[in-house]
Amino acid sequence: AVVSTQSTGIDKQEALALLPPETRLADVNRLFCAILKDTTRNKRQNQMLKSLHLFNNLQVKSQMMSLQSDQFIVEAQDNCCVCNKKVGEAAIAFYPDRRIVHYGCMTQGDPQPPRTD
């Protein structure tokens, strides 16, 4: 009775191994029901987590493909939106609204991080 009521804190396989051979199935029925219930609940939780992770992964891949397909031409005479200097041959990034920024100026301006393609 203790094993079935405290089944979450007890190793079920070990508890079954410690039972004497003359133990009747009816005596451990509650234990088996608890084991089955715990196992089923754990399996469902793991399946749900797996589905959520797969869904999240698909969303991230979709967003990445969308962002990678966005292209535009940057000329050396275009200006940085933070310092207003020409970008020239410097390392650059751009915000989702297509504003260009020097890589070094990123932390000085808009709190929204730019994309670095």
N, C-alpha and C. Protein backbone atom coordinates (compact mmCIF):
# COMPACT_ATOMS: atom_id res chain seq x y z
N ALA A 1 0.83 -1.19 0.00
CA ALA A 1 0.00 0.00 0.00
C ALA A 1 0.87 1.25 0.00
N VAL A 2 1.96 1.24 0.74
CA VAL A 2 2.85 2.39 0.79
C VAL A 2 3.47 2.63 -0.58
N VAL A 3 3.85 1.54 -1.26
CA VAL A 3 4.49 1.67 -2.57
C VAL A 3 3.55 2.33 -3.56
N SER A 4 2.27 1.96 -3.55
CA SER A 4 1.35 2.53 -4.53
C SER A 4 0.97 3.97 -4.20
N THR A 5 0.90 4.34 -2.92
CA THR A 5 0.54 5.71 -2.57
C THR A 5 1.73 6.66 -2.68
N GLN A 6 2.92 6.17 -2.49
CA GLN A 6 4.14 6.97 -2.59
C GLN A 6 4.92 6.63 -3.85
N SER A 7 4.23 6.26 -4.92
CA SER A 7 4.89 5.73 -6.11
C SER A 7 5.78 6.72 -6.84
N THR A 8 5.55 8.02 -6.68
CA THR A 8 6.38 8.98 -7.40
C THR A 8 7.80 9.06 -6.85
N GLY A 9 7.99 8.76 -5.58
CA GLY A 9 9.32 8.87 -5.00
C GLY A 9 10.07 7.56 -4.89
N ILE A 10 9.50 6.48 -5.42
CA ILE A 10 10.10 5.16 -5.27
C ILE A 10 10.44 4.60 -6.65
N ASP A 11 11.61 3.98 -6.74
CA ASP A 11 11.99 3.29 -7.98
C ASP A 11 11.12 2.04 -8.11
N LYS A 12 10.24 2.09 -9.09
CA LYS A 12 9.23 1.03 -9.21
C LYS A 12 9.83 -0.34 -9.54
N GLN A 13 10.80 -0.36 -10.43
CA GLN A 13 11.41 -1.64 -10.78
C GLN A 13 12.13 -2.26 -9.59
N GLU A 14 12.80 -1.43 -8.83
CA GLU A 14 13.49 -1.92 -7.64
C GLU A 14 12.48 -2.44 -6.62
N ALA A 15 11.36 -1.72 -6.45
CA ALA A 15 10.33 -2.14 -5.51
C ALA A 15 9.73 -3.48 -5.93
N LEU A 16 9.50 -3.67 -7.23
CA LEU A 16 8.96 -4.94 -7.71
C LEU A 16 9.95 -6.09 -7.49
N ALA A 17 11.23 -5.79 -7.67
CA ALA A 17 12.25 -6.83 -7.49
C ALA A 17 12.34 -7.26 -6.01
N LEU A 18 12.00 -6.38 -5.10
CA LEU A 18 12.09 -6.70 -3.68
C LEU A 18 10.87 -7.46 -3.15
N LEU A 19 9.80 -7.52 -3.95
CA LEU A 19 8.60 -8.24 -3.52
C LEU A 19 8.87 -9.74 -3.46
N PRO A 20 8.34 -10.42 -2.47
CA PRO A 20 8.52 -11.87 -2.38
C PRO A 20 7.79 -12.56 -3.54
N PRO A 21 8.29 -13.71 -3.97
CA PRO A 21 7.69 -14.42 -5.11
C PRO A 21 6.22 -14.83 -4.90
N GLU A 22 5.82 -15.00 -3.65
CA GLU A 22 4.44 -15.44 -3.39
C GLU A 22 3.43 -14.28 -3.40
N THR A 23 3.88 -13.05 -3.73
CA THR A 23 3.00 -11.89 -3.77
C THR A 23 1.98 -12.07 -4.89
N ARG A 24 0.71 -11.85 -4.55
CA ARG A 24 -0.36 -12.00 -5.54
C ARG A 24 -0.48 -10.72 -6.37
N LEU A 25 -0.92 -10.88 -7.61
CA LEU A 25 -1.10 -9.75 -8.51
C LEU A 25 -2.12 -8.76 -7.95
N ALA A 26 -3.16 -9.27 -7.33
CA ALA A 26 -4.18 -8.40 -6.74
C ALA A 26 -3.59 -7.50 -5.66
N ASP A 27 -2.53 -7.98 -4.98
CA ASP A 27 -1.91 -7.19 -3.91
C ASP A 27 -1.10 -6.00 -4.46
N VAL A 28 -0.63 -6.11 -5.67
CA VAL A 28 0.19 -5.04 -6.26
C VAL A 28 -0.52 -4.35 -7.42
N ASN A 29 -1.81 -4.59 -7.54
CA ASN A 29 -2.58 -3.99 -8.63
C ASN A 29 -2.49 -2.46 -8.62
N ARG A 30 -2.63 -1.85 -7.44
CA ARG A 30 -2.55 -0.39 -7.34
C ARG A 30 -1.17 0.11 -7.76
N LEU A 31 -0.13 -0.66 -7.42
CA LEU A 31 1.22 -0.29 -7.82
C LEU A 31 1.34 -0.29 -9.34
N PHE A 32 0.85 -1.34 -9.98
CA PHE A 32 0.92 -1.42 -11.44
C PHE A 32 0.13 -0.28 -12.10
N CYS A 33 -1.02 0.03 -11.53
CA CYS A 33 -1.82 1.14 -12.06
C CYS A 33 -1.06 2.46 -11.93
N ALA A 34 -0.41 2.68 -10.79
CA ALA A 34 0.37 3.90 -10.58
C ALA A 34 1.55 3.98 -11.53
N ILE A 35 2.23 2.84 -11.73
CA ILE A 35 3.37 2.81 -12.66
C ILE A 35 2.89 3.14 -14.06
N LEU A 36 1.81 2.52 -14.49
CA LEU A 36 1.27 2.76 -15.82
C LEU A 36 0.84 4.21 -15.99
N LYS A 37 0.21 4.77 -14.99
CA LYS A 37 -0.25 6.16 -15.03
C LYS A 37 0.94 7.11 -15.14
N ASP A 38 1.97 6.90 -14.32
CA ASP A 38 3.16 7.75 -14.36
C ASP A 38 3.87 7.64 -15.70
N THR A 39 4.01 6.43 -16.20
CA THR A 39 4.70 6.21 -17.47
C THR A 39 3.96 6.88 -18.61
N THR A 40 2.65 6.73 -18.62
CA THR A 40 1.83 7.34 -19.66
C THR A 40 1.90 8.86 -19.60
N ARG A 41 1.81 9.42 -18.40
CA ARG A 41 1.89 10.88 -18.24
C ARG A 41 3.25 11.40 -18.72
N ASN A 42 4.32 10.71 -18.35
CA ASN A 42 5.66 11.14 -18.77
C ASN A 42 5.81 11.07 -20.28
N LYS A 43 5.27 10.01 -20.87
CA LYS A 43 5.38 9.87 -22.32
C LYS A 43 4.61 10.99 -23.02
N ARG A 44 3.42 11.30 -22.55
CA ARG A 44 2.63 12.39 -23.15
C ARG A 44 3.33 13.73 -23.01
N GLN A 45 3.90 13.98 -21.85
CA GLN A 45 4.62 15.24 -21.64
C GLN A 45 5.80 15.34 -22.59
N ASN A 46 6.54 14.26 -22.74
CA ASN A 46 7.69 14.26 -23.64
C ASN A 46 7.27 14.44 -25.09
N GLN A 47 6.16 13.82 -25.48
CA GLN A 47 5.66 13.99 -26.84
C GLN A 47 5.24 15.44 -27.08
N MET A 48 4.60 16.04 -26.09
CA MET A 48 4.18 17.44 -26.22
C MET A 48 5.40 18.35 -26.34
N LEU A 49 6.41 18.12 -25.50
CA LEU A 49 7.63 18.93 -25.59
C LEU A 49 8.31 18.77 -26.94
N LYS A 50 8.36 17.55 -27.43
CA LYS A 50 8.97 17.29 -28.74
C LYS A 50 8.21 18.04 -29.83
N SER A 51 6.88 18.00 -29.78
CA SER A 51 6.07 18.70 -30.78
C SER A 51 6.29 20.21 -30.70
N LEU A 52 6.36 20.74 -29.49
CA LEU A 52 6.60 22.18 -29.33
C LEU A 52 7.97 22.58 -29.87
N HIS A 53 8.98 21.77 -29.61
CA HIS A 53 10.33 22.06 -30.11
C HIS A 53 10.36 22.00 -31.63
N LEU A 54 9.69 21.00 -32.22
CA LEU A 54 9.65 20.90 -33.68
C LEU A 54 8.94 22.11 -34.28
N PHE A 55 7.82 22.51 -33.67
CA PHE A 55 7.08 23.68 -34.17
C PHE A 55 7.94 24.93 -34.08
N ASN A 56 8.62 25.12 -32.96
CA ASN A 56 9.49 26.28 -32.78
C ASN A 56 10.62 26.27 -33.81
N ASN A 57 11.19 25.10 -34.05
CA ASN A 57 12.27 24.97 -35.02
C ASN A 57 11.79 25.36 -36.41
N LEU A 58 10.58 24.92 -36.78
CA LEU A 58 10.02 25.28 -38.09
C LEU A 58 9.79 26.79 -38.20
N GLN A 59 9.32 27.40 -37.13
CA GLN A 59 9.11 28.85 -37.14
C GLN A 59 10.43 29.60 -37.33
N VAL A 60 11.46 29.16 -36.63
CA VAL A 60 12.77 29.81 -36.74
C VAL A 60 13.34 29.63 -38.14
N LYS A 61 13.22 28.43 -38.70
CA LYS A 61 13.71 28.20 -40.06
C LYS A 61 12.97 29.06 -41.08
N SER A 62 11.65 29.16 -40.91
CA SER A 62 10.85 29.97 -41.81
C SER A 62 11.26 31.44 -41.73
N GLN A 63 11.44 31.93 -40.51
CA GLN A 63 11.86 33.32 -40.32
C GLN A 63 13.25 33.54 -40.91
N MET A 64 14.15 32.60 -40.71
CA MET A 64 15.50 32.73 -41.24
C MET A 64 15.48 32.77 -42.77
N MET A 65 14.68 31.90 -43.39
CA MET A 65 14.59 31.90 -44.85
C MET A 65 14.02 33.23 -45.36
N SER A 66 13.04 33.76 -44.66
CA SER A 66 12.45 35.04 -45.05
C SER A 66 13.48 36.16 -44.96
N LEU A 67 14.25 36.18 -43.88
CA LEU A 67 15.26 37.22 -43.70
C LEU A 67 16.41 37.08 -44.69
N GLN A 68 16.80 35.85 -44.99
CA GLN A 68 17.91 35.64 -45.91
C GLN A 68 17.53 35.98 -47.35
N SER A 69 16.25 35.91 -47.68
CA SER A 69 15.85 36.20 -49.04
C SER A 69 15.72 37.70 -49.29
N ASP A 70 15.75 38.51 -48.23
CA ASP A 70 15.65 39.96 -48.35
C ASP A 70 17.01 40.52 -48.74
N GLN A 71 17.07 41.16 -49.90
CA GLN A 71 18.33 41.70 -50.38
C GLN A 71 18.14 43.13 -50.86
N PHE A 72 19.19 43.92 -50.73
CA PHE A 72 19.21 45.24 -51.36
C PHE A 72 20.65 45.65 -51.55
N ILE A 73 20.87 46.61 -52.40
CA ILE A 73 22.22 47.03 -52.77
C ILE A 73 22.66 48.19 -51.87
N VAL A 74 23.86 48.06 -51.33
CA VAL A 74 24.45 49.11 -50.50
C VAL A 74 25.62 49.70 -51.27
N GLU A 75 25.60 50.98 -51.45
CA GLU A 75 26.68 51.69 -52.16
C GLU A 75 27.65 52.28 -51.14
N ALA A 76 28.87 52.46 -51.55
CA ALA A 76 29.90 53.02 -50.67
C ALA A 76 29.53 54.43 -50.20
N GLN A 77 28.76 55.17 -51.00
CA GLN A 77 28.40 56.54 -50.62
C GLN A 77 27.15 56.61 -49.75
N ASP A 78 26.50 55.48 -49.43
CA ASP A 78 25.37 55.48 -48.50
C ASP A 78 25.84 55.85 -47.11
N ASN A 79 24.96 56.49 -46.34
CA ASN A 79 25.33 56.99 -45.01
C ASN A 79 24.85 56.06 -43.90
N CYS A 80 25.63 56.00 -42.84
CA CYS A 80 25.27 55.28 -41.62
C CYS A 80 24.16 56.06 -40.92
N CYS A 81 23.13 55.38 -40.44
CA CYS A 81 22.00 56.07 -39.80
C CYS A 81 22.34 56.57 -38.39
N VAL A 82 23.49 56.18 -37.85
CA VAL A 82 23.87 56.64 -36.51
C VAL A 82 24.82 57.83 -36.59
N CYS A 83 25.90 57.68 -37.34
CA CYS A 83 26.91 58.75 -37.38
C CYS A 83 26.82 59.61 -38.63
N ASN A 84 26.00 59.24 -39.58
CA ASN A 84 25.80 59.96 -40.85
C ASN A 84 27.06 60.04 -41.71
N LYS A 85 28.05 59.20 -41.45
CA LYS A 85 29.23 59.15 -42.31
C LYS A 85 28.99 58.11 -43.40
N LYS A 86 29.71 58.22 -44.49
CA LYS A 86 29.57 57.25 -45.58
C LYS A 86 30.06 55.89 -45.09
N VAL A 87 29.38 54.83 -45.52
CA VAL A 87 29.76 53.49 -45.06
C VAL A 87 31.04 53.02 -45.71
N GLY A 88 31.31 53.47 -46.92
CA GLY A 88 32.56 53.11 -47.60
C GLY A 88 32.74 51.60 -47.66
N GLU A 89 33.92 51.16 -47.25
CA GLU A 89 34.24 49.74 -47.29
C GLU A 89 34.18 49.10 -45.90
N ALA A 90 33.59 49.80 -44.95
CA ALA A 90 33.53 49.33 -43.56
C ALA A 90 32.54 48.17 -43.42
N ALA A 91 32.69 47.44 -42.32
CA ALA A 91 31.72 46.38 -42.00
C ALA A 91 30.40 47.05 -41.62
N ILE A 92 29.30 46.52 -42.16
CA ILE A 92 28.01 47.14 -41.93
C ILE A 92 26.97 46.11 -41.48
N ALA A 93 25.88 46.65 -40.98
CA ALA A 93 24.69 45.85 -40.66
C ALA A 93 23.51 46.70 -41.08
N PHE A 94 22.31 46.12 -41.02
CA PHE A 94 21.14 46.93 -41.33
C PHE A 94 19.97 46.50 -40.47
N TYR A 95 19.11 47.50 -40.20
CA TYR A 95 17.92 47.26 -39.41
C TYR A 95 16.82 46.67 -40.29
N PRO A 96 15.82 46.03 -39.67
CA PRO A 96 14.72 45.47 -40.48
C PRO A 96 14.02 46.51 -41.36
N ASP A 97 14.07 47.78 -40.95
CA ASP A 97 13.45 48.83 -41.79
C ASP A 97 14.43 49.34 -42.85
N ARG A 98 15.50 48.58 -43.07
CA ARG A 98 16.49 48.78 -44.14
C ARG A 98 17.43 49.98 -43.90
N ARG A 99 17.53 50.47 -42.67
CA ARG A 99 18.51 51.50 -42.35
C ARG A 99 19.88 50.85 -42.22
N ILE A 100 20.88 51.49 -42.79
CA ILE A 100 22.25 50.96 -42.79
C ILE A 100 23.01 51.57 -41.62
N VAL A 101 23.87 50.77 -40.99
CA VAL A 101 24.64 51.25 -39.85
C VAL A 101 26.03 50.62 -39.88
N HIS A 102 27.05 51.39 -39.51
CA HIS A 102 28.39 50.81 -39.36
C HIS A 102 28.32 49.74 -38.26
N TYR A 103 29.07 48.71 -38.41
CA TYR A 103 29.09 47.67 -37.39
C TYR A 103 29.52 48.25 -36.04
N GLY A 104 30.45 49.15 -36.05
CA GLY A 104 30.94 49.79 -34.82
C GLY A 104 29.95 50.77 -34.20
N CYS A 105 29.00 51.26 -34.99
CA CYS A 105 28.00 52.22 -34.50
C CYS A 105 26.75 51.54 -33.95
N MET A 106 26.66 50.25 -34.07
CA MET A 106 25.43 49.53 -33.70
C MET A 106 25.01 49.80 -32.27
N THR A 107 25.95 49.86 -31.33
CA THR A 107 25.59 49.99 -29.92
C THR A 107 25.26 51.43 -29.52
N GLN A 108 25.53 52.39 -30.39
CA GLN A 108 25.31 53.80 -30.06
C GLN A 108 23.91 54.29 -30.40
N GLY A 109 23.25 53.68 -31.36
CA GLY A 109 21.99 54.22 -31.86
C GLY A 109 20.77 53.52 -31.32
N ASP A 110 19.93 53.12 -32.22
CA ASP A 110 18.63 52.51 -31.94
C ASP A 110 18.79 51.25 -31.09
N PRO A 111 17.96 51.07 -30.04
CA PRO A 111 18.07 49.88 -29.19
C PRO A 111 17.67 48.60 -29.92
N GLN A 112 16.94 48.73 -31.04
CA GLN A 112 16.56 47.55 -31.81
C GLN A 112 17.79 47.07 -32.56
N PRO A 113 18.23 45.83 -32.37
CA PRO A 113 19.46 45.37 -33.01
C PRO A 113 19.29 45.24 -34.52
N PRO A 114 20.30 45.62 -35.28
CA PRO A 114 20.22 45.46 -36.72
C PRO A 114 20.50 44.02 -37.15
N ARG A 115 20.11 43.72 -38.36
CA ARG A 115 20.47 42.41 -38.94
C ARG A 115 21.88 42.51 -39.47
N THR A 116 22.63 41.45 -39.35
CA THR A 116 24.00 41.43 -39.84
C THR A 116 24.14 40.37 -40.91
N ASP A 117 23.72 40.69 -42.13
CA ASP A 117 23.77 39.71 -43.23
C ASP A 117 25.06 39.77 -43.98
